[in-house]
Amino acid sequence: MSPMLKDGDYTIVLTRGFRRLLKPGRLVAFRHDRYGPLIKRIVRCDADSATLTVAGDSTLSATSEAIGPVPLADVTGVGLLPIRA
């Protein structure tokens, strides 16, 4: 799959009141201990453990396994609108 966001692109991120928008297929912004700030696509929401499984659209992206489960506390927003460079 080709990436939705390419180098130099921007995205508008909703940073308040976004929890209801967390569902598979949406872009999500979050902080990661190893990789820093990231934007990835939600693959699965796990309400029991309050985590998300995420993946990148590019073959060059860090894998879901490398990123691991993303705690909801680390989510900073939901991507709403990509802006092409």
N, C-alpha and C. Protein backbone atom coordinates (compact mmCIF):
# COMPACT_ATOMS: atom_id res chain seq x y z
N MET A 1 0.84 -1.17 0.00
CA MET A 1 0.00 0.00 0.00
C MET A 1 0.89 1.24 0.00
N SER A 2 0.57 2.24 -0.78
CA SER A 2 1.37 3.46 -0.79
C SER A 2 0.96 4.33 0.41
N PRO A 3 1.90 5.10 0.93
CA PRO A 3 1.60 5.90 2.12
C PRO A 3 0.63 7.04 1.82
N MET A 4 -0.26 7.29 2.77
CA MET A 4 -1.19 8.41 2.64
C MET A 4 -0.45 9.73 2.79
N LEU A 5 0.51 9.77 3.71
CA LEU A 5 1.32 10.96 3.93
C LEU A 5 2.72 10.71 3.40
N LYS A 6 3.21 11.63 2.61
CA LYS A 6 4.56 11.53 2.07
C LYS A 6 5.44 12.59 2.74
N ASP A 7 6.77 12.47 2.60
CA ASP A 7 7.68 13.46 3.17
C ASP A 7 7.26 14.85 2.75
N GLY A 8 7.17 15.75 3.72
CA GLY A 8 6.81 17.14 3.44
C GLY A 8 5.33 17.43 3.58
N ASP A 9 4.48 16.38 3.62
CA ASP A 9 3.04 16.58 3.80
C ASP A 9 2.75 16.95 5.25
N TYR A 10 1.60 17.55 5.45
CA TYR A 10 1.11 17.90 6.78
C TYR A 10 -0.23 17.22 6.97
N THR A 11 -0.68 17.20 8.21
CA THR A 11 -2.04 16.77 8.48
C THR A 11 -2.59 17.60 9.63
N ILE A 12 -3.85 17.96 9.53
CA ILE A 12 -4.51 18.65 10.63
C ILE A 12 -4.93 17.59 11.64
N VAL A 13 -4.57 17.81 12.89
CA VAL A 13 -4.82 16.84 13.95
C VAL A 13 -5.76 17.45 14.99
N LEU A 14 -6.84 16.76 15.28
CA LEU A 14 -7.76 17.16 16.34
C LEU A 14 -7.16 16.69 17.66
N THR A 15 -6.89 17.63 18.58
CA THR A 15 -6.21 17.28 19.83
C THR A 15 -7.11 17.30 21.05
N ARG A 16 -8.37 17.66 20.88
CA ARG A 16 -9.31 17.66 22.01
C ARG A 16 -10.60 16.98 21.57
N GLY A 17 -11.18 16.21 22.46
CA GLY A 17 -12.45 15.55 22.17
C GLY A 17 -12.38 14.53 21.05
N PHE A 18 -11.23 13.88 20.90
CA PHE A 18 -11.02 12.95 19.78
C PHE A 18 -11.28 11.49 20.13
N ARG A 19 -11.46 11.16 21.39
CA ARG A 19 -11.56 9.75 21.81
C ARG A 19 -12.67 9.01 21.07
N ARG A 20 -13.79 9.67 20.82
CA ARG A 20 -14.91 9.01 20.13
C ARG A 20 -14.57 8.69 18.67
N LEU A 21 -13.52 9.33 18.14
CA LEU A 21 -13.13 9.11 16.74
C LEU A 21 -12.09 7.99 16.58
N LEU A 22 -11.64 7.41 17.70
CA LEU A 22 -10.63 6.36 17.63
C LEU A 22 -11.28 5.07 17.15
N LYS A 23 -11.03 4.72 15.89
CA LYS A 23 -11.56 3.49 15.32
C LYS A 23 -10.64 3.04 14.19
N PRO A 24 -10.67 1.76 13.85
CA PRO A 24 -9.79 1.26 12.80
C PRO A 24 -9.94 2.05 11.50
N GLY A 25 -8.78 2.30 10.88
CA GLY A 25 -8.74 3.03 9.62
C GLY A 25 -8.38 4.50 9.77
N ARG A 26 -8.57 5.07 10.96
CA ARG A 26 -8.27 6.49 11.19
C ARG A 26 -6.79 6.68 11.44
N LEU A 27 -6.29 7.87 11.10
CA LEU A 27 -4.93 8.24 11.46
C LEU A 27 -4.92 8.70 12.90
N VAL A 28 -3.86 8.34 13.62
CA VAL A 28 -3.75 8.71 15.02
C VAL A 28 -2.34 9.24 15.27
N ALA A 29 -2.25 10.32 16.03
CA ALA A 29 -0.96 10.89 16.44
C ALA A 29 -0.70 10.45 17.87
N PHE A 30 0.55 10.07 18.15
CA PHE A 30 0.89 9.61 19.50
C PHE A 30 2.37 9.76 19.75
N ARG A 31 2.73 9.67 21.04
CA ARG A 31 4.14 9.72 21.45
C ARG A 31 4.62 8.29 21.68
N HIS A 32 5.81 7.99 21.18
CA HIS A 32 6.40 6.66 21.38
C HIS A 32 7.75 6.84 22.05
N ASP A 33 8.03 6.00 23.05
CA ASP A 33 9.29 6.13 23.80
C ASP A 33 10.52 6.04 22.91
N ARG A 34 10.50 5.15 21.94
CA ARG A 34 11.68 4.92 21.10
C ARG A 34 11.70 5.80 19.85
N TYR A 35 10.53 5.96 19.19
CA TYR A 35 10.48 6.65 17.90
C TYR A 35 10.05 8.11 17.99
N GLY A 36 9.61 8.57 19.16
CA GLY A 36 9.17 9.96 19.31
C GLY A 36 7.74 10.14 18.79
N PRO A 37 7.40 11.35 18.33
CA PRO A 37 6.04 11.58 17.83
C PRO A 37 5.82 10.86 16.49
N LEU A 38 4.68 10.17 16.38
CA LEU A 38 4.36 9.41 15.18
C LEU A 38 2.91 9.64 14.77
N ILE A 39 2.65 9.43 13.48
CA ILE A 39 1.28 9.36 12.96
C ILE A 39 1.17 8.04 12.21
N LYS A 40 0.23 7.20 12.65
CA LYS A 40 0.02 5.89 12.04
C LYS A 40 -1.47 5.64 11.89
N ARG A 41 -1.82 4.58 11.19
CA ARG A 41 -3.21 4.20 11.00
C ARG A 41 -3.61 3.19 12.08
N ILE A 42 -4.81 3.36 12.65
CA ILE A 42 -5.30 2.42 13.66
C ILE A 42 -5.73 1.13 12.97
N VAL A 43 -5.23 0.01 13.47
CA VAL A 43 -5.61 -1.31 12.97
C VAL A 43 -6.68 -1.90 13.88
N ARG A 44 -6.50 -1.73 15.21
CA ARG A 44 -7.43 -2.32 16.16
C ARG A 44 -7.44 -1.50 17.44
N CYS A 45 -8.61 -1.39 18.04
CA CYS A 45 -8.79 -0.75 19.34
C CYS A 45 -9.12 -1.84 20.36
N ASP A 46 -8.35 -1.89 21.44
CA ASP A 46 -8.59 -2.88 22.48
C ASP A 46 -9.07 -2.17 23.74
N ALA A 47 -10.38 -2.16 23.95
CA ALA A 47 -10.98 -1.46 25.10
C ALA A 47 -10.56 -2.10 26.42
N ASP A 48 -10.36 -3.41 26.44
CA ASP A 48 -9.99 -4.10 27.69
C ASP A 48 -8.65 -3.63 28.23
N SER A 49 -7.67 -3.45 27.35
CA SER A 49 -6.35 -3.03 27.80
C SER A 49 -6.09 -1.55 27.55
N ALA A 50 -7.08 -0.83 27.00
CA ALA A 50 -6.96 0.60 26.70
C ALA A 50 -5.74 0.89 25.83
N THR A 51 -5.61 0.08 24.75
CA THR A 51 -4.50 0.27 23.83
C THR A 51 -4.99 0.23 22.38
N LEU A 52 -4.14 0.73 21.50
CA LEU A 52 -4.39 0.67 20.06
C LEU A 52 -3.30 -0.15 19.41
N THR A 53 -3.65 -0.87 18.36
CA THR A 53 -2.66 -1.47 17.48
C THR A 53 -2.63 -0.59 16.25
N VAL A 54 -1.43 -0.17 15.85
CA VAL A 54 -1.29 0.75 14.72
C VAL A 54 -0.34 0.18 13.69
N ALA A 55 -0.42 0.72 12.47
CA ALA A 55 0.49 0.31 11.40
C ALA A 55 0.68 1.48 10.45
N GLY A 56 1.80 1.48 9.77
CA GLY A 56 2.06 2.48 8.75
C GLY A 56 1.62 1.96 7.39
N ASP A 57 1.37 2.87 6.46
CA ASP A 57 0.96 2.50 5.12
C ASP A 57 2.15 2.15 4.22
N SER A 58 3.33 2.56 4.60
CA SER A 58 4.52 2.36 3.78
C SER A 58 5.26 1.10 4.19
N THR A 59 5.90 0.48 3.24
CA THR A 59 6.74 -0.69 3.54
C THR A 59 7.99 -0.27 4.33
N LEU A 60 8.32 1.01 4.32
CA LEU A 60 9.48 1.52 5.06
C LEU A 60 9.14 1.87 6.50
N SER A 61 7.87 1.80 6.85
CA SER A 61 7.39 2.18 8.18
C SER A 61 7.78 1.13 9.22
N ALA A 62 7.93 1.58 10.46
CA ALA A 62 8.14 0.64 11.56
C ALA A 62 6.93 -0.28 11.64
N THR A 63 7.15 -1.54 11.92
CA THR A 63 6.07 -2.52 11.97
C THR A 63 5.23 -2.37 13.24
N SER A 64 4.05 -2.93 13.20
CA SER A 64 3.18 -2.95 14.39
C SER A 64 3.89 -3.62 15.55
N GLU A 65 4.62 -4.68 15.26
CA GLU A 65 5.35 -5.41 16.30
C GLU A 65 6.44 -4.54 16.92
N ALA A 66 7.15 -3.77 16.09
CA ALA A 66 8.22 -2.90 16.61
C ALA A 66 7.65 -1.77 17.46
N ILE A 67 6.50 -1.25 17.05
CA ILE A 67 5.87 -0.16 17.80
C ILE A 67 5.21 -0.68 19.07
N GLY A 68 4.57 -1.84 18.96
CA GLY A 68 3.88 -2.42 20.11
C GLY A 68 2.54 -1.75 20.36
N PRO A 69 1.82 -2.19 21.38
CA PRO A 69 0.53 -1.59 21.69
C PRO A 69 0.72 -0.14 22.13
N VAL A 70 -0.15 0.74 21.66
CA VAL A 70 -0.07 2.16 22.00
C VAL A 70 -1.11 2.45 23.10
N PRO A 71 -0.66 2.81 24.30
CA PRO A 71 -1.61 3.15 25.35
C PRO A 71 -2.41 4.40 24.98
N LEU A 72 -3.68 4.41 25.32
CA LEU A 72 -4.52 5.57 25.00
C LEU A 72 -3.95 6.84 25.64
N ALA A 73 -3.26 6.71 26.76
CA ALA A 73 -2.66 7.87 27.42
C ALA A 73 -1.59 8.53 26.56
N ASP A 74 -0.99 7.79 25.61
CA ASP A 74 0.05 8.34 24.74
C ASP A 74 -0.50 8.97 23.47
N VAL A 75 -1.80 8.81 23.22
CA VAL A 75 -2.42 9.37 22.01
C VAL A 75 -2.59 10.87 22.20
N THR A 76 -2.14 11.64 21.20
CA THR A 76 -2.22 13.10 21.28
C THR A 76 -3.29 13.68 20.36
N GLY A 77 -3.82 12.88 19.45
CA GLY A 77 -4.87 13.38 18.57
C GLY A 77 -5.19 12.43 17.43
N VAL A 78 -6.18 12.84 16.63
CA VAL A 78 -6.64 12.08 15.48
C VAL A 78 -6.45 12.92 14.24
N GLY A 79 -5.85 12.33 13.20
CA GLY A 79 -5.64 13.04 11.94
C GLY A 79 -6.97 13.25 11.22
N LEU A 80 -7.21 14.49 10.80
CA LEU A 80 -8.47 14.81 10.13
C LEU A 80 -8.31 15.09 8.65
N LEU A 81 -7.27 15.84 8.30
CA LEU A 81 -7.16 16.31 6.92
C LEU A 81 -5.70 16.34 6.48
N PRO A 82 -5.32 15.50 5.50
CA PRO A 82 -3.95 15.58 4.98
C PRO A 82 -3.81 16.78 4.05
N ILE A 83 -2.66 17.43 4.11
CA ILE A 83 -2.36 18.58 3.25
C ILE A 83 -1.11 18.22 2.46
N ARG A 84 -1.23 18.13 1.16
CA ARG A 84 -0.09 17.76 0.31
C ARG A 84 0.90 18.90 0.18
N ALA A 85 2.18 18.54 0.20
CA ALA A 85 3.25 19.54 0.06
C ALA A 85 3.31 20.06 -1.36
